[in-house]
Amino acid sequence: MATPPRSSSNPETEVAQPSARALEQALLVPSQPLSPMAIAAPVIGWLVPGAGHLIQKRWWRGLLLMASVTAMFVLGILMEGKLYNFNTGDLLDMLGFIGDIGAGALYIVSHAMDLGRGAIQRATADYGTKYMIVAGLLNVISAVDAYHIAIGKKQ
């Protein structure tokens, strides 16, 4: 009976197998179950800008985020920027919608009040559209930050 050929013991050609712990950390699998705060902070933080930090008693950060996201969104509305609707046709419209919906309740209330529906007729309207999209994206980053604080990954 012939034995199978052995691989060379050259360390340059060997591939190291990652440990289970390294795989767990790479896949970001939580080692502990999620706390109610870890679920509530990002959801509330998305719905009301800065509230995810406020419920965790991060007063200054929460107020600063609330003021900046709200100010950017309101300025975008005042500049007659466009609010995007859900649309499966145009890729740029879909991306604009994702940015807008990131503003949470600001988008929902503005959409319900039929704001941001006019055709872009002023030069500032395009800037207003971008302000609202960036406000939504900043709010999403804020909600992710609130989650990281809630799980103890960030102070």
C-alpha atoms as a PDB file:
ATOM      1  CA  MET A   1       0.000   0.000   0.000  1.00  0.00           C
ATOM      2  CA  ALA A   2       1.377   3.290  -1.059  1.00  0.00           C
ATOM      3  CA  THR A   3       1.176   6.226   1.257  1.00  0.00           C
ATOM      4  CA  PRO A   4      -0.140   9.542  -0.069  1.00  0.00           C
ATOM      5  CA  PRO A   5       2.519  12.096  -0.896  1.00  0.00           C
ATOM      6  CA  ARG A   6       3.339  14.438   1.941  1.00  0.00           C
ATOM      7  CA  SER A   7       3.313  18.163   1.452  1.00  0.00           C
ATOM      8  CA  SER A   8       6.504  20.024   1.902  1.00  0.00           C
ATOM      9  CA  SER A   9       7.095  21.625   5.233  1.00  0.00           C
ATOM     10  CA  ASN A  10       7.917  24.949   3.643  1.00  0.00           C
ATOM     11  CA  PRO A  11       6.337  27.625   5.912  1.00  0.00           C
ATOM     12  CA  GLU A  12       5.878  29.979   2.960  1.00  0.00           C
ATOM     13  CA  THR A  13       3.422  27.623   1.239  1.00  0.00           C
ATOM     14  CA  GLU A  14       1.425  26.567   4.315  1.00  0.00           C
ATOM     15  CA  VAL A  15      -1.839  28.352   5.038  1.00  0.00           C
ATOM     16  CA  ALA A  16      -2.634  29.068   8.654  1.00  0.00           C
ATOM     17  CA  GLN A  17      -6.112  28.058   9.796  1.00  0.00           C
ATOM     18  CA  PRO A  18      -7.900  30.791  11.747  1.00  0.00           C
ATOM     19  CA  SER A  19      -9.135  29.966  15.209  1.00  0.00           C
ATOM     20  CA  ALA A  20     -12.831  29.924  16.090  1.00  0.00           C
ATOM     21  CA  ARG A  21     -12.405  33.068  18.197  1.00  0.00           C
ATOM     22  CA  ALA A  22     -10.762  34.931  15.315  1.00  0.00           C
ATOM     23  CA  LEU A  23     -13.605  33.904  13.009  1.00  0.00           C
ATOM     24  CA  GLU A  24     -16.182  35.031  15.583  1.00  0.00           C
ATOM     25  CA  GLN A  25     -14.544  38.433  15.888  1.00  0.00           C
ATOM     26  CA  ALA A  26     -14.166  38.776  12.118  1.00  0.00           C
ATOM     27  CA  LEU A  27     -17.845  38.018  11.561  1.00  0.00           C
ATOM     28  CA  LEU A  28     -18.836  40.396  14.365  1.00  0.00           C
ATOM     29  CA  VAL A  29     -20.920  37.727  16.069  1.00  0.00           C
ATOM     30  CA  PRO A  30     -21.884  39.080  19.481  1.00  0.00           C
ATOM     31  CA  SER A  31     -20.532  36.923  22.274  1.00  0.00           C
ATOM     32  CA  GLN A  32     -23.375  38.006  24.579  1.00  0.00           C
ATOM     33  CA  PRO A  33     -27.070  38.409  23.840  1.00  0.00           C
ATOM     34  CA  LEU A  34     -28.161  41.915  22.881  1.00  0.00           C
ATOM     35  CA  SER A  35     -29.480  44.062  25.686  1.00  0.00           C
ATOM     36  CA  PRO A  36     -32.721  46.017  25.306  1.00  0.00           C
ATOM     37  CA  MET A  37     -30.646  49.212  25.124  1.00  0.00           C
ATOM     38  CA  ALA A  38     -28.605  47.803  22.233  1.00  0.00           C
ATOM     39  CA  ILE A  39     -31.850  47.361  20.298  1.00  0.00           C
ATOM     40  CA  ALA A  40     -33.661  50.525  21.424  1.00  0.00           C
ATOM     41  CA  ALA A  41     -30.789  53.028  21.067  1.00  0.00           C
ATOM     42  CA  PRO A  42     -30.250  52.722  17.302  1.00  0.00           C
ATOM     43  CA  VAL A  43     -33.970  52.458  16.520  1.00  0.00           C
ATOM     44  CA  ILE A  44     -34.900  55.498  18.610  1.00  0.00           C
ATOM     45  CA  GLY A  45     -31.750  57.262  17.401  1.00  0.00           C
ATOM     46  CA  TRP A  46     -32.814  56.737  13.790  1.00  0.00           C
ATOM     47  CA  LEU A  47     -36.383  57.823  14.408  1.00  0.00           C
ATOM     48  CA  VAL A  48     -35.472  60.987  16.354  1.00  0.00           C
ATOM     49  CA  PRO A  49     -32.002  62.358  15.566  1.00  0.00           C
ATOM     50  CA  GLY A  50     -29.774  62.333  18.644  1.00  0.00           C
ATOM     51  CA  ALA A  51     -32.282  60.496  20.855  1.00  0.00           C
ATOM     52  CA  GLY A  52     -30.222  57.303  20.825  1.00  0.00           C
ATOM     53  CA  HIS A  53     -27.514  59.189  22.670  1.00  0.00           C
ATOM     54  CA  LEU A  54     -29.928  61.055  24.928  1.00  0.00           C
ATOM     55  CA  ILE A  55     -31.482  57.842  26.287  1.00  0.00           C
ATOM     56  CA  GLN A  56     -27.956  56.708  27.177  1.00  0.00           C
ATOM     57  CA  LYS A  57     -27.310  59.976  29.039  1.00  0.00           C
ATOM     58  CA  ARG A  58     -24.808  61.272  26.481  1.00  0.00           C
ATOM     59  CA  TRP A  59     -26.391  64.716  26.727  1.00  0.00           C
ATOM     60  CA  TRP A  60     -23.942  66.898  24.797  1.00  0.00           C
ATOM     61  CA  ARG A  61     -23.397  64.471  21.966  1.00  0.00           C
ATOM     62  CA  GLY A  62     -27.127  63.803  21.656  1.00  0.00           C
ATOM     63  CA  LEU A  63     -28.050  67.492  21.637  1.00  0.00           C
ATOM     64  CA  LEU A  64     -25.304  68.320  19.162  1.00  0.00           C
ATOM     65  CA  LEU A  65     -26.430  65.552  16.798  1.00  0.00           C
ATOM     66  CA  MET A  66     -30.077  66.515  17.215  1.00  0.00           C
ATOM     67  CA  ALA A  67     -29.353  70.158  16.435  1.00  0.00           C
ATOM     68  CA  SER A  68     -27.058  69.485  13.475  1.00  0.00           C
ATOM     69  CA  VAL A  69     -29.191  66.842  11.729  1.00  0.00           C
ATOM     70  CA  THR A  70     -32.396  68.806  12.278  1.00  0.00           C
ATOM     71  CA  ALA A  71     -30.807  72.075  11.139  1.00  0.00           C
ATOM     72  CA  MET A  72     -29.431  70.485   7.967  1.00  0.00           C
ATOM     73  CA  PHE A  73     -32.760  68.896   7.126  1.00  0.00           C
ATOM     74  CA  VAL A  74     -34.782  72.058   7.825  1.00  0.00           C
ATOM     75  CA  LEU A  75     -32.349  74.165   5.811  1.00  0.00           C
ATOM     76  CA  GLY A  76     -32.754  71.715   2.936  1.00  0.00           C
ATOM     77  CA  ILE A  77     -36.530  72.094   3.113  1.00  0.00           C
ATOM     78  CA  LEU A  78     -36.243  75.888   3.277  1.00  0.00           C
ATOM     79  CA  MET A  79     -34.018  75.840   0.183  1.00  0.00           C
ATOM     80  CA  GLU A  80     -36.862  73.970  -1.558  1.00  0.00           C
ATOM     81  CA  GLY A  81     -34.878  70.773  -1.897  1.00  0.00           C
ATOM     82  CA  LYS A  82     -36.448  67.624  -3.304  1.00  0.00           C
ATOM     83  CA  LEU A  83     -37.569  64.759  -1.062  1.00  0.00           C
ATOM     84  CA  TYR A  84     -37.146  61.456  -2.839  1.00  0.00           C
ATOM     85  CA  ASN A  85     -39.896  58.814  -2.871  1.00  0.00           C
ATOM     86  CA  PHE A  86     -39.440  55.081  -3.075  1.00  0.00           C
ATOM     87  CA  ASN A  87     -38.668  54.360  -6.716  1.00  0.00           C
ATOM     88  CA  THR A  88     -37.377  51.208  -8.350  1.00  0.00           C
ATOM     89  CA  GLY A  89     -36.639  52.831 -11.698  1.00  0.00           C
ATOM     90  CA  ASP A  90     -33.637  55.122 -11.406  1.00  0.00           C
ATOM     91  CA  LEU A  91     -30.565  54.201  -9.373  1.00  0.00           C
ATOM     92  CA  LEU A  92     -29.851  57.796  -8.326  1.00  0.00           C
ATOM     93  CA  ASP A  93     -33.431  58.222  -7.111  1.00  0.00           C
ATOM     94  CA  MET A  94     -33.086  55.054  -5.035  1.00  0.00           C
ATOM     95  CA  LEU A  95     -29.867  56.323  -3.478  1.00  0.00           C
ATOM     96  CA  GLY A  96     -31.482  59.685  -2.774  1.00  0.00           C
ATOM     97  CA  PHE A  97     -34.396  57.913  -1.093  1.00  0.00           C
ATOM     98  CA  ILE A  98     -32.021  55.889   1.103  1.00  0.00           C
ATOM     99  CA  GLY A  99     -30.282  59.092   2.161  1.00  0.00           C
ATOM    100  CA  ASP A 100     -33.567  60.859   2.845  1.00  0.00           C
ATOM    101  CA  ILE A 101     -35.190  58.006   4.780  1.00  0.00           C
ATOM    102  CA  GLY A 102     -32.139  57.986   7.051  1.00  0.00           C
ATOM    103  CA  ALA A 103     -33.478  61.176   8.627  1.00  0.00           C
ATOM    104  CA  GLY A 104     -36.229  59.139  10.289  1.00  0.00           C
ATOM    105  CA  ALA A 105     -39.162  61.133  11.627  1.00  0.00           C
ATOM    106  CA  LEU A 106     -37.979  64.279   9.856  1.00  0.00           C
ATOM    107  CA  TYR A 107     -38.524  62.537   6.520  1.00  0.00           C
ATOM    108  CA  ILE A 108     -41.820  60.953   7.596  1.00  0.00           C
ATOM    109  CA  VAL A 109     -43.283  64.267   8.819  1.00  0.00           C
ATOM    110  CA  SER A 110     -42.021  66.191   5.783  1.00  0.00           C
ATOM    111  CA  HIS A 111     -43.431  63.565   3.446  1.00  0.00           C
ATOM    112  CA  ALA A 112     -46.786  63.648   5.271  1.00  0.00           C
ATOM    113  CA  MET A 113     -46.881  67.462   5.024  1.00  0.00           C
ATOM    114  CA  ASP A 114     -46.134  67.186   1.291  1.00  0.00           C
ATOM    115  CA  LEU A 115     -42.916  69.223   1.557  1.00  0.00           C
ATOM    116  CA  GLY A 116     -40.108  68.864  -0.956  1.00  0.00           C
ATOM    117  CA  ARG A 117     -42.420  68.005  -3.851  1.00  0.00           C
ATOM    118  CA  GLY A 118     -41.932  70.992  -6.114  1.00  0.00           C
ATOM    119  CA  ALA A 119     -39.870  70.968  -9.245  1.00  0.00           C
ATOM    120  CA  ILE A 120     -36.378  72.330  -8.773  1.00  0.00           C
ATOM    121  CA  GLN A 121     -36.614  75.908 -10.028  1.00  0.00           C
ATOM    122  CA  ARG A 122     -33.937  77.643  -7.998  1.00  0.00           C
ATOM    123  CA  ALA A 123     -30.230  77.140  -7.874  1.00  0.00           C
ATOM    124  CA  THR A 124     -30.415  76.633  -4.110  1.00  0.00           C
ATOM    125  CA  ALA A 125     -32.913  73.778  -4.477  1.00  0.00           C
ATOM    126  CA  ASP A 126     -30.187  71.374  -5.571  1.00  0.00           C
ATOM    127  CA  TYR A 127     -28.156  72.315  -2.501  1.00  0.00           C
ATOM    128  CA  GLY A 128     -31.236  71.798  -0.370  1.00  0.00           C
ATOM    129  CA  THR A 129     -31.658  68.299  -1.775  1.00  0.00           C
ATOM    130  CA  LYS A 130     -28.079  67.469  -0.879  1.00  0.00           C
ATOM    131  CA  TYR A 131     -28.500  68.937   2.626  1.00  0.00           C
ATOM    132  CA  MET A 132     -31.439  66.605   3.296  1.00  0.00           C
ATOM    133  CA  ILE A 133     -29.591  63.554   1.986  1.00  0.00           C
ATOM    134  CA  VAL A 134     -26.501  64.327   4.060  1.00  0.00           C
ATOM    135  CA  ALA A 135     -28.679  64.937   7.141  1.00  0.00           C
ATOM    136  CA  GLY A 136     -30.154  61.465   6.698  1.00  0.00           C
ATOM    137  CA  LEU A 137     -26.746  59.849   6.265  1.00  0.00           C
ATOM    138  CA  LEU A 138     -25.405  61.660   9.329  1.00  0.00           C
ATOM    139  CA  ASN A 139     -28.398  60.406  11.286  1.00  0.00           C
ATOM    140  CA  VAL A 140     -27.654  56.811  10.252  1.00  0.00           C
ATOM    141  CA  ILE A 141     -24.046  57.225  11.420  1.00  0.00           C
ATOM    142  CA  SER A 142     -25.397  58.659  14.670  1.00  0.00           C
ATOM    143  CA  ALA A 143     -27.659  55.618  15.181  1.00  0.00           C
ATOM    144  CA  VAL A 144     -24.735  53.260  14.567  1.00  0.00           C
ATOM    145  CA  ASP A 145     -22.679  55.246  17.088  1.00  0.00           C
ATOM    146  CA  ALA A 146     -25.509  54.921  19.637  1.00  0.00           C
ATOM    147  CA  TYR A 147     -25.494  51.157  19.068  1.00  0.00           C
ATOM    148  CA  HIS A 148     -21.731  50.949  19.621  1.00  0.00           C
ATOM    149  CA  ILE A 149     -22.087  52.869  22.874  1.00  0.00           C
ATOM    150  CA  ALA A 150     -24.940  50.578  23.977  1.00  0.00           C
ATOM    151  CA  ILE A 151     -22.926  47.383  23.427  1.00  0.00           C
ATOM    152  CA  GLY A 152     -19.886  48.847  25.166  1.00  0.00           C
ATOM    153  CA  LYS A 153     -17.683  48.986  22.076  1.00  0.00           C
ATOM    154  CA  LYS A 154     -17.296  52.740  22.455  1.00  0.00           C
ATOM    155  CA  GLN A 155     -17.274  55.059  25.441  1.00  0.00           C
END
